[in-house]
Amino acid sequence: MNGSLVVVDDVAKAFAQLVVDAMQSKRSASFSLAFSGGSTARDCYQELSRADSTDIDWATVTAWWGDERCVPLTDPDSNFRLVQEALLARVGRLEAVNPMKSDGEDPAGAYEQLLRASPPIDLIHLGLGPDGHTASLFPGSVALDSPEGRLVVSNHDPFSNNPHQRLTFTFEAIAQCRQIVVTVAGSGKSDALHRVLDGDLSAPATHISGAEVTWLVDNAAMGTRTPR
């Protein structure tokens, strides 16, 4: 595992505080945040939406997405919709919102172009799937062998454990973010977490790397095992 492991009682509260601290420690006027999807992410964003308005100036925040399902943005399975409902609809207007749109001839290329034209993302939030995936980088999927230099690609789960075609950041794009935060909650993620802790390279999340990587993990996910 790359980065630091922090075991907490409440992942969502720890995540929200970490984001607030990151925003306050940055000395420039803007902050960029890349979002994730899933039930843990929803809890994290609902908690973040409750942050005091004196702690976060949302008008300086630019929103990105690290992955998205190729469905309409209003679809119940859309990561954009999840973030919109859990966070964006509850806070003030952001500086910019950049959803991953699946329409057009080359949606991955279009999002990559937008990403390249922007400063590095300050913080990306990632999760961990029971199969060891993160973002939409699934075990055995073509995105794991993305050409050097690619930042956003189209991908799908070859084992059909996760529905829909996806758009996703590559590991190279993730590594370029200034800060990476991975949240893991619940006993259902324990096996996947310990695969990462044990350095199992078949779990895509094991390959997460960057300048500053923090794993926020609750006691249920950590369980009674210790990494080898």
C-alpha atoms as a PDB file:
ATOM      1  CA  MET A   1       0.000   0.000   0.000  1.00  0.00           C
ATOM      2  CA  ASN A   2       1.205   3.466  -0.854  1.00  0.00           C
ATOM      3  CA  GLY A   3       0.521   6.320   1.552  1.00  0.00           C
ATOM      4  CA  SER A   4      -0.582   6.570   5.161  1.00  0.00           C
ATOM      5  CA  LEU A   5      -3.283   4.469   6.825  1.00  0.00           C
ATOM      6  CA  VAL A   6      -5.545   6.250   9.304  1.00  0.00           C
ATOM      7  CA  VAL A   7      -8.091   4.180  11.231  1.00  0.00           C
ATOM      8  CA  VAL A   8     -11.045   6.288  12.386  1.00  0.00           C
ATOM      9  CA  ASP A   9     -14.384   5.769  14.094  1.00  0.00           C
ATOM     10  CA  ASP A  10     -16.336   7.707  11.462  1.00  0.00           C
ATOM     11  CA  VAL A  11     -14.950   7.816   7.923  1.00  0.00           C
ATOM     12  CA  ALA A  12     -17.389  10.469   6.686  1.00  0.00           C
ATOM     13  CA  LYS A  13     -16.580  12.901   9.486  1.00  0.00           C
ATOM     14  CA  ALA A  14     -12.848  12.303   9.087  1.00  0.00           C
ATOM     15  CA  PHE A  15     -13.131  12.875   5.342  1.00  0.00           C
ATOM     16  CA  ALA A  16     -15.039  16.132   5.748  1.00  0.00           C
ATOM     17  CA  GLN A  17     -12.502  17.447   8.246  1.00  0.00           C
ATOM     18  CA  LEU A  18      -9.611  16.448   5.994  1.00  0.00           C
ATOM     19  CA  VAL A  19     -11.151  18.327   3.057  1.00  0.00           C
ATOM     20  CA  VAL A  20     -11.775  21.416   5.192  1.00  0.00           C
ATOM     21  CA  ASP A  21      -8.169  21.315   6.413  1.00  0.00           C
ATOM     22  CA  ALA A  22      -6.865  20.919   2.858  1.00  0.00           C
ATOM     23  CA  MET A  23      -8.910  23.875   1.637  1.00  0.00           C
ATOM     24  CA  GLN A  24      -7.810  26.086   4.501  1.00  0.00           C
ATOM     25  CA  SER A  25      -4.140  25.179   4.130  1.00  0.00           C
ATOM     26  CA  LYS A  26      -4.028  26.107   0.442  1.00  0.00           C
ATOM     27  CA  ARG A  27      -2.921  29.677   0.104  1.00  0.00           C
ATOM     28  CA  SER A  28      -4.331  30.403  -3.337  1.00  0.00           C
ATOM     29  CA  ALA A  29      -7.882  31.567  -3.938  1.00  0.00           C
ATOM     30  CA  SER A  30      -9.149  28.432  -5.677  1.00  0.00           C
ATOM     31  CA  PHE A  31      -9.487  24.746  -4.821  1.00  0.00           C
ATOM     32  CA  SER A  32     -10.282  21.800  -7.089  1.00  0.00           C
ATOM     33  CA  LEU A  33     -11.925  18.627  -5.823  1.00  0.00           C
ATOM     34  CA  ALA A  34     -12.559  15.410  -7.770  1.00  0.00           C
ATOM     35  CA  PHE A  35     -15.496  13.306  -6.627  1.00  0.00           C
ATOM     36  CA  SER A  36     -16.232   9.593  -6.485  1.00  0.00           C
ATOM     37  CA  GLY A  37     -19.360   7.437  -6.222  1.00  0.00           C
ATOM     38  CA  GLY A  38     -20.838   4.756  -3.990  1.00  0.00           C
ATOM     39  CA  SER A  39     -22.520   4.601  -0.602  1.00  0.00           C
ATOM     40  CA  THR A  40     -19.449   5.636   1.392  1.00  0.00           C
ATOM     41  CA  ALA A  41     -18.934   8.612  -0.902  1.00  0.00           C
ATOM     42  CA  ARG A  42     -22.550   9.689  -0.398  1.00  0.00           C
ATOM     43  CA  ASP A  43     -22.053   9.646   3.376  1.00  0.00           C
ATOM     44  CA  CYS A  44     -18.838  11.645   2.985  1.00  0.00           C
ATOM     45  CA  TYR A  45     -20.451  14.313   0.824  1.00  0.00           C
ATOM     46  CA  GLN A  46     -23.484  14.660   3.057  1.00  0.00           C
ATOM     47  CA  GLU A  47     -21.122  15.218   5.969  1.00  0.00           C
ATOM     48  CA  LEU A  48     -19.073  17.707   3.942  1.00  0.00           C
ATOM     49  CA  SER A  49     -22.249  19.620   3.080  1.00  0.00           C
ATOM     50  CA  ARG A  50     -22.711  20.276   6.797  1.00  0.00           C
ATOM     51  CA  ALA A  51     -19.344  22.012   7.143  1.00  0.00           C
ATOM     52  CA  ASP A  52     -19.580  25.540   8.487  1.00  0.00           C
ATOM     53  CA  SER A  53     -19.787  28.143   5.737  1.00  0.00           C
ATOM     54  CA  THR A  54     -16.932  30.000   7.408  1.00  0.00           C
ATOM     55  CA  ASP A  55     -14.714  26.955   6.831  1.00  0.00           C
ATOM     56  CA  ILE A  56     -15.398  26.495   3.109  1.00  0.00           C
ATOM     57  CA  ASP A  57     -15.916  29.161   0.475  1.00  0.00           C
ATOM     58  CA  TRP A  58     -17.687  27.053  -2.133  1.00  0.00           C
ATOM     59  CA  ALA A  59     -17.495  29.892  -4.651  1.00  0.00           C
ATOM     60  CA  THR A  60     -13.768  29.141  -4.985  1.00  0.00           C
ATOM     61  CA  VAL A  61     -14.210  25.387  -5.585  1.00  0.00           C
ATOM     62  CA  THR A  62     -14.043  23.629  -8.952  1.00  0.00           C
ATOM     63  CA  ALA A  63     -15.675  20.191  -9.100  1.00  0.00           C
ATOM     64  CA  TRP A  64     -14.341  17.266 -11.136  1.00  0.00           C
ATOM     65  CA  TRP A  65     -15.239  13.584 -11.293  1.00  0.00           C
ATOM     66  CA  GLY A  66     -12.668  10.789 -11.141  1.00  0.00           C
ATOM     67  CA  ASP A  67     -15.041   8.356 -12.821  1.00  0.00           C
ATOM     68  CA  GLU A  68     -18.575   8.146 -14.108  1.00  0.00           C
ATOM     69  CA  ARG A  69     -21.058   5.655 -15.463  1.00  0.00           C
ATOM     70  CA  CYS A  70     -22.048   6.214 -19.092  1.00  0.00           C
ATOM     71  CA  VAL A  71     -25.633   7.099 -18.266  1.00  0.00           C
ATOM     72  CA  PRO A  72     -27.522  10.411 -18.352  1.00  0.00           C
ATOM     73  CA  LEU A  73     -26.440  12.746 -15.564  1.00  0.00           C
ATOM     74  CA  THR A  74     -29.961  12.515 -14.136  1.00  0.00           C
ATOM     75  CA  ASP A  75     -29.875   8.704 -13.971  1.00  0.00           C
ATOM     76  CA  PRO A  76     -30.008   7.191 -10.456  1.00  0.00           C
ATOM     77  CA  ASP A  77     -26.712   5.392 -11.204  1.00  0.00           C
ATOM     78  CA  SER A  78     -24.878   8.602 -12.145  1.00  0.00           C
ATOM     79  CA  ASN A  79     -22.039   9.714  -9.882  1.00  0.00           C
ATOM     80  CA  PHE A  80     -22.867  13.292 -10.840  1.00  0.00           C
ATOM     81  CA  ARG A  81     -26.408  12.861  -9.550  1.00  0.00           C
ATOM     82  CA  LEU A  82     -25.090  11.353  -6.312  1.00  0.00           C
ATOM     83  CA  VAL A  83     -22.823  14.342  -5.699  1.00  0.00           C
ATOM     84  CA  GLN A  84     -25.527  16.777  -6.771  1.00  0.00           C
ATOM     85  CA  GLU A  85     -28.016  15.350  -4.278  1.00  0.00           C
ATOM     86  CA  ALA A  86     -25.596  14.760  -1.408  1.00  0.00           C
ATOM     87  CA  LEU A  87     -23.551  17.950  -1.668  1.00  0.00           C
ATOM     88  CA  LEU A  88     -23.935  20.419  -4.523  1.00  0.00           C
ATOM     89  CA  ALA A  89     -27.644  21.082  -3.999  1.00  0.00           C
ATOM     90  CA  ARG A  90     -26.947  21.848  -0.340  1.00  0.00           C
ATOM     91  CA  VAL A  91     -24.132  24.377  -0.679  1.00  0.00           C
ATOM     92  CA  GLY A  92     -23.652  27.637  -2.525  1.00  0.00           C
ATOM     93  CA  ARG A  93     -22.718  28.009  -6.158  1.00  0.00           C
ATOM     94  CA  LEU A  94     -19.295  26.625  -7.044  1.00  0.00           C
ATOM     95  CA  GLU A  95     -16.715  28.368  -9.207  1.00  0.00           C
ATOM     96  CA  ALA A  96     -17.076  25.620 -11.832  1.00  0.00           C
ATOM     97  CA  VAL A  97     -18.643  22.171 -12.167  1.00  0.00           C
ATOM     98  CA  ASN A  98     -17.143  19.767 -14.707  1.00  0.00           C
ATOM     99  CA  PRO A  99     -19.262  16.601 -14.943  1.00  0.00           C
ATOM    100  CA  MET A 100     -18.062  13.650 -16.997  1.00  0.00           C
ATOM    101  CA  LYS A 101     -20.487  13.534 -19.915  1.00  0.00           C
ATOM    102  CA  SER A 102     -20.772  10.319 -21.903  1.00  0.00           C
ATOM    103  CA  ASP A 103     -22.186  11.852 -25.075  1.00  0.00           C
ATOM    104  CA  GLY A 104     -20.157  12.904 -28.099  1.00  0.00           C
ATOM    105  CA  GLU A 105     -17.723  11.055 -30.325  1.00  0.00           C
ATOM    106  CA  ASP A 106     -14.898  10.779 -27.778  1.00  0.00           C
ATOM    107  CA  PRO A 107     -16.098  11.694 -24.278  1.00  0.00           C
ATOM    108  CA  ALA A 108     -12.946  10.395 -22.582  1.00  0.00           C
ATOM    109  CA  GLY A 109     -10.767  12.458 -24.887  1.00  0.00           C
ATOM    110  CA  ALA A 110     -12.909  15.545 -24.354  1.00  0.00           C
ATOM    111  CA  TYR A 111     -12.637  15.280 -20.572  1.00  0.00           C
ATOM    112  CA  GLU A 112      -8.906  14.638 -20.798  1.00  0.00           C
ATOM    113  CA  GLN A 113      -8.505  17.773 -22.907  1.00  0.00           C
ATOM    114  CA  LEU A 114     -10.392  19.789 -20.290  1.00  0.00           C
ATOM    115  CA  LEU A 115      -8.213  18.290 -17.564  1.00  0.00           C
ATOM    116  CA  ARG A 116      -4.984  19.118 -19.390  1.00  0.00           C
ATOM    117  CA  ALA A 117      -6.072  22.733 -19.801  1.00  0.00           C
ATOM    118  CA  SER A 118      -6.549  23.125 -16.036  1.00  0.00           C
ATOM    119  CA  PRO A 119      -4.200  23.282 -13.038  1.00  0.00           C
ATOM    120  CA  PRO A 120      -3.546  19.998 -11.192  1.00  0.00           C
ATOM    121  CA  ILE A 121      -6.457  18.841  -9.059  1.00  0.00           C
ATOM    122  CA  ASP A 122      -5.905  19.681  -5.414  1.00  0.00           C
ATOM    123  CA  LEU A 123      -7.688  16.661  -3.936  1.00  0.00           C
ATOM    124  CA  ILE A 124      -9.226  13.546  -5.433  1.00  0.00           C
ATOM    125  CA  HIS A 125     -11.534  11.306  -3.451  1.00  0.00           C
ATOM    126  CA  LEU A 126     -11.451   7.593  -4.237  1.00  0.00           C
ATOM    127  CA  GLY A 127     -13.236   4.545  -2.888  1.00  0.00           C
ATOM    128  CA  LEU A 128     -12.526   0.833  -2.789  1.00  0.00           C
ATOM    129  CA  GLY A 129     -14.767  -1.845  -4.277  1.00  0.00           C
ATOM    130  CA  PRO A 130     -15.132  -5.359  -2.849  1.00  0.00           C
ATOM    131  CA  ASP A 131     -13.216  -6.630  -5.900  1.00  0.00           C
ATOM    132  CA  GLY A 132     -10.343  -4.246  -5.214  1.00  0.00           C
ATOM    133  CA  HIS A 133     -11.238  -1.650  -7.850  1.00  0.00           C
ATOM    134  CA  THR A 134     -10.923   2.077  -7.386  1.00  0.00           C
ATOM    135  CA  ALA A 135     -12.457   4.789  -9.568  1.00  0.00           C
ATOM    136  CA  SER A 136     -13.626   2.606 -12.499  1.00  0.00           C
ATOM    137  CA  LEU A 137     -10.333   0.736 -12.758  1.00  0.00           C
ATOM    138  CA  PHE A 138     -11.546  -2.844 -12.535  1.00  0.00           C
ATOM    139  CA  PRO A 139      -9.539  -6.074 -12.182  1.00  0.00           C
ATOM    140  CA  GLY A 140      -8.590  -7.417 -15.592  1.00  0.00           C
ATOM    141  CA  SER A 141      -9.904  -4.365 -17.443  1.00  0.00           C
ATOM    142  CA  VAL A 142      -8.235  -2.673 -20.396  1.00  0.00           C
ATOM    143  CA  ALA A 143      -7.829   0.604 -18.486  1.00  0.00           C
ATOM    144  CA  LEU A 144      -5.148  -0.994 -16.314  1.00  0.00           C
ATOM    145  CA  ASP A 145      -2.909  -1.048 -19.384  1.00  0.00           C
ATOM    146  CA  SER A 146      -3.677   2.461 -20.604  1.00  0.00           C
ATOM    147  CA  PRO A 147      -0.990   3.977 -22.834  1.00  0.00           C
ATOM    148  CA  GLU A 148       1.483   6.243 -21.085  1.00  0.00           C
ATOM    149  CA  GLY A 149       0.214   9.794 -21.058  1.00  0.00           C
ATOM    150  CA  ARG A 150      -3.511   8.962 -21.103  1.00  0.00           C
ATOM    151  CA  LEU A 151      -5.432  10.624 -18.293  1.00  0.00           C
ATOM    152  CA  VAL A 152      -9.043   9.615 -18.994  1.00  0.00           C
ATOM    153  CA  VAL A 153     -10.232   6.443 -20.723  1.00  0.00           C
ATOM    154  CA  SER A 154     -13.379   4.471 -21.410  1.00  0.00           C
ATOM    155  CA  ASN A 155     -13.595   1.218 -19.482  1.00  0.00           C
ATOM    156  CA  HIS A 156     -15.892  -1.615 -18.399  1.00  0.00           C
ATOM    157  CA  ASP A 157     -15.778  -4.485 -15.933  1.00  0.00           C
ATOM    158  CA  PRO A 158     -14.860  -7.642 -17.896  1.00  0.00           C
ATOM    159  CA  PHE A 159     -16.409  -9.792 -15.168  1.00  0.00           C
ATOM    160  CA  SER A 160     -19.710  -7.854 -15.190  1.00  0.00           C
ATOM    161  CA  ASN A 161     -19.643  -7.289 -11.433  1.00  0.00           C
ATOM    162  CA  ASN A 162     -20.093  -3.554 -11.968  1.00  0.00           C
ATOM    163  CA  PRO A 163     -22.729  -2.376 -14.477  1.00  0.00           C
ATOM    164  CA  HIS A 164     -22.452   0.184 -17.283  1.00  0.00           C
ATOM    165  CA  GLN A 165     -19.666   1.362 -19.514  1.00  0.00           C
ATOM    166  CA  ARG A 166     -17.519   3.865 -17.623  1.00  0.00           C
ATOM    167  CA  LEU A 167     -15.271   6.869 -18.002  1.00  0.00           C
ATOM    168  CA  THR A 168     -12.390   6.922 -15.550  1.00  0.00           C
ATOM    169  CA  PHE A 169      -9.188   8.646 -14.584  1.00  0.00           C
ATOM    170  CA  THR A 170      -6.148   6.485 -15.191  1.00  0.00           C
ATOM    171  CA  PHE A 171      -3.609   5.849 -12.449  1.00  0.00           C
ATOM    172  CA  GLU A 172      -1.413   8.442 -14.143  1.00  0.00           C
ATOM    173  CA  ALA A 173      -4.140  11.069 -13.780  1.00  0.00           C
ATOM    174  CA  ILE A 174      -4.732  10.095 -10.164  1.00  0.00           C
ATOM    175  CA  ALA A 175      -1.015  10.375  -9.396  1.00  0.00           C
ATOM    176  CA  GLN A 176      -0.962  13.922 -10.761  1.00  0.00           C
ATOM    177  CA  CYS A 177      -3.462  15.116  -8.144  1.00  0.00           C
ATOM    178  CA  ARG A 178      -1.850  16.986  -5.284  1.00  0.00           C
ATOM    179  CA  GLN A 179      -3.652  14.962  -2.616  1.00  0.00           C
ATOM    180  CA  ILE A 180      -5.375  11.576  -2.808  1.00  0.00           C
ATOM    181  CA  VAL A 181      -7.884  10.439  -0.184  1.00  0.00           C
ATOM    182  CA  VAL A 182      -9.245   6.884  -0.207  1.00  0.00           C
ATOM    183  CA  THR A 183     -12.184   6.118   2.076  1.00  0.00           C
ATOM    184  CA  VAL A 184     -13.044   2.566   3.121  1.00  0.00           C
ATOM    185  CA  ALA A 185     -15.968   1.772   5.426  1.00  0.00           C
ATOM    186  CA  GLY A 186     -17.746  -1.380   6.521  1.00  0.00           C
ATOM    187  CA  SER A 187     -16.898  -5.038   6.951  1.00  0.00           C
ATOM    188  CA  GLY A 188     -17.845  -5.718   3.337  1.00  0.00           C
ATOM    189  CA  LYS A 189     -14.652  -3.952   2.246  1.00  0.00           C
ATOM    190  CA  SER A 190     -12.369  -5.734   4.715  1.00  0.00           C
ATOM    191  CA  ASP A 191     -11.088  -8.439   2.353  1.00  0.00           C
ATOM    192  CA  ALA A 192     -10.362  -5.931  -0.409  1.00  0.00           C
ATOM    193  CA  LEU A 193      -8.635  -3.581   2.009  1.00  0.00           C
ATOM    194  CA  HIS A 194      -6.348  -6.286   3.309  1.00  0.00           C
ATOM    195  CA  ARG A 195      -5.468  -7.348  -0.207  1.00  0.00           C
ATOM    196  CA  VAL A 196      -4.227  -3.800  -0.718  1.00  0.00           C
ATOM    197  CA  LEU A 197      -2.457  -3.710   2.641  1.00  0.00           C
ATOM    198  CA  ASP A 198      -0.762  -7.005   1.796  1.00  0.00           C
ATOM    199  CA  GLY A 199       0.438  -5.643  -1.546  1.00  0.00           C
ATOM    200  CA  ASP A 200      -1.740  -7.852  -3.754  1.00  0.00           C
ATOM    201  CA  LEU A 201      -1.085  -6.401  -7.205  1.00  0.00           C
ATOM    202  CA  SER A 202      -4.197  -8.064  -8.645  1.00  0.00           C
ATOM    203  CA  ALA A 203      -6.250  -5.529  -6.668  1.00  0.00           C
ATOM    204  CA  PRO A 204      -6.164  -2.364  -8.789  1.00  0.00           C
ATOM    205  CA  ALA A 205      -6.305  -0.083  -5.740  1.00  0.00           C
ATOM    206  CA  THR A 206      -2.891  -1.396  -4.704  1.00  0.00           C
ATOM    207  CA  HIS A 207      -1.479   0.687  -7.566  1.00  0.00           C
ATOM    208  CA  ILE A 208      -2.709   4.032  -6.211  1.00  0.00           C
ATOM    209  CA  SER A 209       0.261   6.346  -5.829  1.00  0.00           C
ATOM    210  CA  GLY A 210       0.922  10.050  -5.603  1.00  0.00           C
ATOM    211  CA  ALA A 211       2.614  12.827  -3.683  1.00  0.00           C
ATOM    212  CA  GLU A 212       0.245  12.540  -0.709  1.00  0.00           C
ATOM    213  CA  VAL A 213      -2.021   9.516  -0.273  1.00  0.00           C
ATOM    214  CA  THR A 214      -4.234   9.038   2.789  1.00  0.00           C
ATOM    215  CA  TRP A 215      -6.374   5.973   3.449  1.00  0.00           C
ATOM    216  CA  LEU A 216      -9.247   6.724   5.849  1.00  0.00           C
ATOM    217  CA  VAL A 217     -10.486   3.374   7.143  1.00  0.00           C
ATOM    218  CA  ASP A 218     -13.023   2.511   9.827  1.00  0.00           C
ATOM    219  CA  ASN A 219     -12.716  -0.270  12.386  1.00  0.00           C
ATOM    220  CA  ALA A 220     -15.238  -2.490  10.616  1.00  0.00           C
ATOM    221  CA  ALA A 221     -13.194  -2.442   7.411  1.00  0.00           C
ATOM    222  CA  MET A 222      -9.936  -2.900   9.287  1.00  0.00           C
ATOM    223  CA  GLY A 223     -11.286  -5.883  11.208  1.00  0.00           C
ATOM    224  CA  THR A 224      -9.010  -7.939  13.411  1.00  0.00           C
ATOM    225  CA  ARG A 225      -6.434  -8.776  10.745  1.00  0.00           C
ATOM    226  CA  THR A 226      -3.116  -7.032  10.441  1.00  0.00           C
ATOM    227  CA  PRO A 227      -1.236  -6.558   7.155  1.00  0.00           C
ATOM    228  CA  ARG A 228       1.550  -8.980   6.393  1.00  0.00           C
END
